[in-house]
């Protein structure tokens, strides 16, 4: 952001752009700077830093998948296998285990918590959607510094505008009893 502002201050003139890349950069800010970050903080609270970071390492997987679905990116067989392996790892990481040893081990249904899995997954998907929007925007308008500034400002304005009101809605969705 600082680099983009400095370049604008020194008289740098960006190339002209249509509305599509500008909207895509704004969407990247909504997904990454606002929604992804908020869900990341929620996943750290709910899952702890170690489990939450495991979900964040899956962002490239989801970015590739969304790019394949929406932008026509090509994926090799090895990449598909890596995605399947990563998803399996996420399923394993999201299971809950008792803090102390019990006489009867919990069943798979007792260990599985869909809400915890969905918070971490939603965070990774939001960041991946932001990366995909940014990639699309750069294809159309090769001004990444200005685009990042636009996305960051969009996310910041959204955070200021929604403040605590949106947190009530998200909390109701995230803390709903999924079991």
Foldseek 3Di string as FASTA:
>chain_A
DVVLVVCVVVPDDFDDADVLLLVLLQLLLCLQVAVLVVLLVVLCVVQNPVLLVLLQVCLVLLLQVVCCVPVVDDDDPVSVVVSVVSVVVNQVSQFAFDPDDDPDGDDRVNRGDVLSSVSSNSSSNSNSSSVNSLVVSCVRGVPNVVSNVSSNVSNVVVCVVCPCVVVVVVCCVSVPRPD
